[in-house]
Amino acid sequence: MPAVSKSASPMSTERSPEPGFGRRAMVEIVALGKSFGRVPVLRDVSLDIGDGEVVAVIGPSGSGKTTLLRCVDLLEEFESGEVRLDGAAIGYVERGGRRVRRPDRELAATRAQIGIVFQSFNLFPHMKVLRNVMVAPVRVKGEPPDEVEARARALLARVGLGDKLDAYPAALSGGQQQRVAIARALAMRPKLMLFDEVTSALDPELVGEVLEVIRQVAGEGMTMLIVTHEMQFARDVAHRIVFMDGGVVVEQGPPERLLGDPQSQRLKSFLRRYHQAGLV
């Protein structure tokens, strides 16, 4: 696995001794409801994420994990409930007993504070790596290009790609492209990072280099919501794990308790194959 640079910024991979329950809420999800047609996907989901807390969401396919994450950034519209980032409503607010969509300008300003990394890398194929990382802060936030370039160079060095500034995405491995995608999201200096199964499209030998970058970002105190099927990674990096099934939060708690002593029969059944394979 290629080495990931740690020289550009001091980082610790140790978690805070106090899990995030007592922290000021950075993300507040209240009674969130979402359907596709007549099929409910999220059913009154409520979840707070503390400032600097890392929350991993696990569960079977179709449980609502990715839809929850996409609703947080309003990539999916939701029919009921609220999502707040640092106190500001995302998407909709209640006014006079009516649900009203926030103005586009206000919504864009809030969403600019959220970084998201998907399964697919979504890099601009016609732009070199450095430009891929720079484009959003310059065009969306109007930041000075010289300042953004310095930040982008530092971020790429941090993720072990300081020698790939002039490469095009097609010349990179999948793991390298995903690390560029992480650097690009961090270039916006977000308050919240969302990760949606970021290793699922990678060859097994490339998974570790991407997870190591996420560990480092978590160690710096970034608030993170991670949808993942990597149980050992969730155990290592998360302050709290949330298990979803059927569009609801079935169980949540510290990794050691949730993975080692699950309370619900559904979670016990879900974890059984991981325990049998030695992956928890």
Protein backbone atom coordinates (compact mmCIF):
# COMPACT_ATOMS: atom_id res chain seq x y z
CA MET A 1 0.00 0.00 0.00
CA PRO A 2 1.40 3.44 -0.89
CA ALA A 3 2.44 5.45 2.14
CA VAL A 4 0.11 8.25 3.19
CA SER A 5 2.00 11.35 4.14
CA LYS A 6 1.61 12.63 7.69
CA SER A 7 4.18 15.41 7.47
CA ALA A 8 2.09 18.28 6.13
CA SER A 9 -0.21 18.43 9.14
CA PRO A 10 0.13 16.76 12.56
CA MET A 11 -2.59 14.17 12.95
CA SER A 12 -3.56 11.73 15.64
CA THR A 13 -5.57 8.58 15.02
CA GLU A 14 -6.61 8.29 18.67
CA ARG A 15 -10.26 8.95 19.45
CA SER A 16 -11.47 11.27 22.16
CA PRO A 17 -11.85 9.42 25.48
CA GLU A 18 -15.44 10.66 25.73
CA PRO A 19 -17.82 9.51 22.97
CA GLY A 20 -19.91 12.24 21.40
CA PHE A 21 -23.13 11.97 23.38
CA GLY A 22 -22.20 14.89 25.66
CA ARG A 23 -20.99 17.20 22.90
CA ARG A 24 -22.81 20.08 21.28
CA ALA A 25 -24.81 18.67 18.38
CA MET A 26 -23.31 19.49 14.99
CA VAL A 27 -25.98 17.48 13.13
CA GLU A 28 -29.58 17.09 14.29
CA ILE A 29 -31.85 14.70 12.40
CA VAL A 30 -35.41 14.81 13.72
CA ALA A 31 -38.23 12.41 12.72
CA LEU A 32 -36.93 12.14 9.15
CA GLY A 33 -39.29 10.49 6.69
CA LYS A 34 -38.53 9.58 3.08
CA SER A 35 -40.34 7.40 0.55
CA PHE A 36 -39.72 6.35 -3.03
CA GLY A 37 -43.19 6.32 -4.49
CA ARG A 38 -45.32 4.38 -2.02
CA VAL A 39 -42.36 2.57 -0.50
CA PRO A 40 -41.12 4.12 2.78
CA VAL A 41 -37.33 4.13 3.02
CA LEU A 42 -36.82 6.20 6.18
CA ARG A 43 -39.38 6.04 9.00
CA ASP A 44 -39.15 8.81 11.59
CA VAL A 45 -35.36 8.55 11.91
CA SER A 46 -33.88 10.73 14.64
CA LEU A 47 -30.16 11.02 15.27
CA ASP A 48 -27.79 13.62 16.72
CA ILE A 49 -24.09 13.77 15.88
CA GLY A 50 -21.86 15.70 18.26
CA ASP A 51 -19.26 18.22 17.19
CA GLY A 52 -16.14 16.17 16.36
CA GLU A 53 -17.95 12.87 16.68
CA VAL A 54 -17.49 10.03 14.18
CA VAL A 55 -20.65 8.01 13.60
CA ALA A 56 -20.63 4.88 11.43
CA VAL A 57 -23.89 3.58 9.99
CA ILE A 58 -24.15 -0.13 9.24
CA GLY A 59 -26.94 -2.39 8.08
CA PRO A 60 -28.11 -4.66 5.26
CA SER A 61 -28.71 -3.47 1.71
CA GLY A 62 -31.95 -1.54 1.45
CA SER A 63 -31.97 -0.52 5.11
CA GLY A 64 -31.94 3.22 4.36
CA LYS A 65 -28.28 3.96 5.18
CA THR A 66 -27.34 5.72 1.96
CA THR A 67 -30.70 7.47 1.69
CA LEU A 68 -30.19 8.89 5.19
CA LEU A 69 -26.78 10.23 4.23
CA ARG A 70 -28.11 11.74 0.99
CA CYS A 71 -30.97 13.42 2.83
CA VAL A 72 -28.50 15.11 5.17
CA ASP A 73 -27.03 16.93 2.15
CA LEU A 74 -30.45 17.20 0.43
CA LEU A 75 -29.27 15.13 -2.50
CA GLU A 76 -32.57 13.38 -1.79
CA GLU A 77 -35.66 15.39 -0.90
CA PHE A 78 -37.43 14.20 2.24
CA GLU A 79 -41.14 14.41 2.98
CA SER A 80 -41.13 14.97 6.72
CA GLY A 81 -38.85 15.83 9.59
CA GLU A 82 -35.86 18.13 9.88
CA VAL A 83 -32.12 18.08 9.31
CA ARG A 84 -29.97 20.77 10.93
CA LEU A 85 -26.27 21.50 10.53
CA ASP A 86 -24.80 23.57 13.34
CA GLY A 87 -28.29 24.88 14.08
CA ALA A 88 -29.20 25.80 10.50
CA ALA A 89 -32.01 23.86 8.83
CA ILE A 90 -31.12 22.04 5.62
CA GLY A 91 -33.84 22.09 3.01
CA TYR A 92 -36.97 22.96 4.94
CA VAL A 93 -38.16 24.87 7.98
CA GLU A 94 -41.49 24.96 9.79
CA ARG A 95 -43.20 28.35 9.58
CA GLY A 96 -46.69 28.93 10.86
CA GLY A 97 -47.37 25.22 10.92
CA ARG A 98 -46.31 24.86 7.29
CA ARG A 99 -43.23 23.19 5.85
CA VAL A 100 -41.38 25.76 3.75
CA ARG A 101 -38.31 25.21 1.59
CA ARG A 102 -35.38 27.49 2.39
CA PRO A 103 -34.28 29.93 -0.33
CA ASP A 104 -31.73 28.46 -2.74
CA ARG A 105 -29.02 30.90 -1.69
CA GLU A 106 -29.36 30.00 2.00
CA LEU A 107 -29.48 26.31 1.17
CA ALA A 108 -26.35 26.52 -1.00
CA ALA A 109 -24.45 28.31 1.77
CA THR A 110 -25.33 25.56 4.26
CA ARG A 111 -24.54 22.73 1.84
CA ALA A 112 -21.13 24.29 1.12
CA GLN A 113 -20.25 23.36 4.71
CA ILE A 114 -20.76 19.65 3.99
CA GLY A 115 -18.16 17.51 2.23
CA ILE A 116 -19.33 14.26 0.68
CA VAL A 117 -17.40 11.37 -0.86
CA PHE A 118 -19.24 8.69 -2.82
CA GLN A 119 -18.54 5.14 -3.95
CA SER A 120 -17.67 6.48 -7.39
CA PHE A 121 -14.90 9.03 -7.48
CA ASN A 122 -16.70 11.68 -9.59
CA LEU A 123 -13.50 13.49 -10.50
CA PHE A 124 -13.49 15.78 -13.52
CA PRO A 125 -11.64 13.68 -16.12
CA HIS A 126 -10.48 16.70 -18.14
CA MET A 127 -8.86 18.39 -15.13
CA LYS A 128 -5.53 17.56 -13.55
CA VAL A 129 -5.50 16.47 -9.91
CA LEU A 130 -4.58 19.88 -8.50
CA ARG A 131 -7.34 21.59 -10.46
CA ASN A 132 -9.89 18.98 -9.33
CA VAL A 133 -9.17 19.89 -5.73
CA MET A 134 -9.16 23.64 -6.33
CA VAL A 135 -12.25 24.12 -8.46
CA ALA A 136 -15.02 24.11 -5.82
CA PRO A 137 -13.49 26.58 -3.32
CA VAL A 138 -12.71 28.99 -6.17
CA ARG A 139 -15.98 28.74 -8.08
CA VAL A 140 -18.45 28.03 -5.30
CA LYS A 141 -17.00 30.03 -2.42
CA GLY A 142 -15.10 32.64 -4.45
CA GLU A 143 -11.85 32.14 -2.55
CA PRO A 144 -8.60 33.58 -3.97
CA PRO A 145 -6.96 31.02 -6.30
CA ASP A 146 -3.50 31.48 -4.77
CA GLU A 147 -4.78 30.64 -1.29
CA VAL A 148 -6.79 27.69 -2.56
CA GLU A 149 -3.83 26.32 -4.50
CA ALA A 150 -1.63 26.37 -1.39
CA ARG A 151 -4.32 24.54 0.57
CA ALA A 152 -4.88 22.03 -2.24
CA ARG A 153 -1.18 21.23 -2.46
CA ALA A 154 -1.02 20.69 1.30
CA LEU A 155 -4.09 18.44 1.26
CA LEU A 156 -2.76 16.32 -1.59
CA ALA A 157 0.53 15.93 0.25
CA ARG A 158 -1.45 14.89 3.32
CA VAL A 159 -3.19 12.08 1.46
CA GLY A 160 0.08 10.87 -0.08
CA LEU A 161 -0.41 12.35 -3.55
CA GLY A 162 1.92 15.32 -3.51
CA ASP A 163 3.67 13.90 -6.57
CA LYS A 164 0.46 13.57 -8.62
CA LEU A 165 -0.55 17.22 -8.94
CA ASP A 166 -0.25 17.26 -12.73
CA ALA A 167 -1.73 13.81 -13.37
CA TYR A 168 -5.14 13.29 -14.89
CA PRO A 169 -7.60 11.01 -13.03
CA ALA A 170 -7.34 8.30 -15.70
CA ALA A 171 -3.66 7.88 -14.84
CA LEU A 172 -4.41 7.08 -11.17
CA SER A 173 -5.45 3.89 -9.45
CA GLY A 174 -8.89 3.66 -7.90
CA GLY A 175 -7.46 4.17 -4.43
CA GLN A 176 -5.56 7.25 -5.58
CA GLN A 177 -8.66 8.70 -7.20
CA GLN A 178 -10.65 8.19 -4.02
CA ARG A 179 -7.94 9.95 -2.02
CA VAL A 180 -8.14 12.88 -4.44
CA ALA A 181 -11.91 12.92 -3.90
CA ILE A 182 -11.35 13.12 -0.12
CA ALA A 183 -8.84 15.95 -0.55
CA ARG A 184 -11.31 17.76 -2.82
CA ALA A 185 -14.04 17.55 -0.18
CA LEU A 186 -11.69 18.75 2.56
CA ALA A 187 -10.61 21.71 0.42
CA MET A 188 -14.01 23.28 1.11
CA ARG A 189 -13.14 23.29 4.84
CA PRO A 190 -16.43 21.61 5.77
CA LYS A 191 -18.01 21.32 9.19
CA LEU A 192 -19.23 17.82 8.34
CA MET A 193 -17.85 15.01 6.18
CA LEU A 194 -20.13 12.33 4.71
CA PHE A 195 -18.69 9.06 3.38
CA ASP A 196 -20.90 6.67 1.42
CA GLU A 197 -19.35 3.19 1.11
CA VAL A 198 -16.19 4.80 -0.23
CA THR A 199 -14.28 1.51 -0.54
CA SER A 200 -16.97 -0.61 -2.20
CA ALA A 201 -15.78 0.14 -5.75
CA LEU A 202 -12.11 -0.54 -4.96
CA ASP A 203 -10.02 -3.66 -5.41
CA PRO A 204 -9.31 -5.22 -1.99
CA GLU A 205 -5.63 -4.27 -2.03
CA LEU A 206 -6.55 -0.57 -2.41
CA VAL A 207 -9.06 -0.39 0.45
CA GLY A 208 -6.48 0.11 3.20
CA GLU A 209 -4.94 3.27 1.76
CA VAL A 210 -8.34 5.01 1.62
CA LEU A 211 -9.38 3.91 5.11
CA GLU A 212 -6.08 5.17 6.49
CA VAL A 213 -6.80 8.66 5.14
CA ILE A 214 -10.26 8.63 6.76
CA ARG A 215 -8.70 7.50 10.06
CA GLN A 216 -6.35 10.49 9.92
CA VAL A 217 -9.16 12.94 9.18
CA ALA A 218 -11.19 11.48 12.05
CA GLY A 219 -8.20 11.86 14.34
CA GLU A 220 -8.14 15.59 13.64
CA GLY A 221 -11.61 16.05 15.13
CA MET A 222 -13.72 16.30 11.98
CA THR A 223 -17.41 15.53 12.46
CA MET A 224 -18.13 12.52 10.26
CA LEU A 225 -21.05 10.34 9.20
CA ILE A 226 -19.79 7.17 7.54
CA VAL A 227 -21.89 4.55 5.78
CA THR A 228 -19.74 1.44 5.65
CA HIS A 229 -19.71 -2.33 5.50
CA GLU A 230 -16.15 -2.48 6.91
CA MET A 231 -16.90 -3.67 10.44
CA GLN A 232 -13.35 -3.60 11.76
CA PHE A 233 -12.87 -0.10 10.39
CA ALA A 234 -16.11 1.03 12.04
CA ARG A 235 -14.91 -0.47 15.33
CA ASP A 236 -11.54 1.29 15.07
CA VAL A 237 -12.55 4.76 13.96
CA ALA A 238 -16.12 5.45 15.16
CA HIS A 239 -17.18 6.86 18.50
CA ARG A 240 -20.61 5.39 17.89
CA ILE A 241 -22.13 2.84 15.51
CA VAL A 242 -25.74 3.04 14.33
CA PHE A 243 -27.43 -0.11 13.02
CA MET A 244 -30.30 0.49 10.59
CA ASP A 245 -32.81 -1.95 9.16
CA GLY A 246 -36.12 -1.38 7.43
CA GLY A 247 -35.66 2.39 7.44
CA VAL A 248 -35.34 2.74 11.21
CA VAL A 249 -32.51 2.95 13.73
CA VAL A 250 -32.68 -0.46 15.43
CA GLU A 251 -29.76 -0.05 17.80
CA GLN A 252 -26.84 2.29 18.45
CA GLY A 253 -23.96 2.55 20.87
CA PRO A 254 -20.18 2.52 21.32
CA PRO A 255 -18.45 0.09 18.93
CA GLU A 256 -17.24 -2.30 21.60
CA ARG A 257 -20.72 -2.72 23.03
CA LEU A 258 -22.71 -2.71 19.80
CA LEU A 259 -20.47 -5.15 17.95
CA GLY A 260 -19.49 -7.25 20.96
CA ASP A 261 -22.80 -7.44 22.82
CA PRO A 262 -25.69 -6.63 20.45
CA GLN A 263 -29.09 -6.40 22.13
CA SER A 264 -31.52 -6.87 19.25
CA GLN A 265 -32.02 -10.18 17.49
CA ARG A 266 -31.85 -8.43 14.13
CA LEU A 267 -28.38 -7.04 14.82
CA LYS A 268 -27.20 -10.38 16.18
CA SER A 269 -28.32 -12.02 12.95
CA PHE A 270 -26.67 -9.32 10.81
CA LEU A 271 -23.33 -9.60 12.62
CA ARG A 272 -23.23 -13.40 12.64
CA ARG A 273 -21.62 -13.72 9.22
CA TYR A 274 -18.99 -11.12 10.13
CA HIS A 275 -18.17 -12.95 13.37
CA GLN A 276 -17.93 -16.24 11.49
CA ALA A 277 -15.50 -14.70 9.03
CA GLY A 278 -13.46 -13.03 11.80
CA LEU A 279 -14.21 -9.55 10.42
CA VAL A 280 -15.45 -7.97 13.67
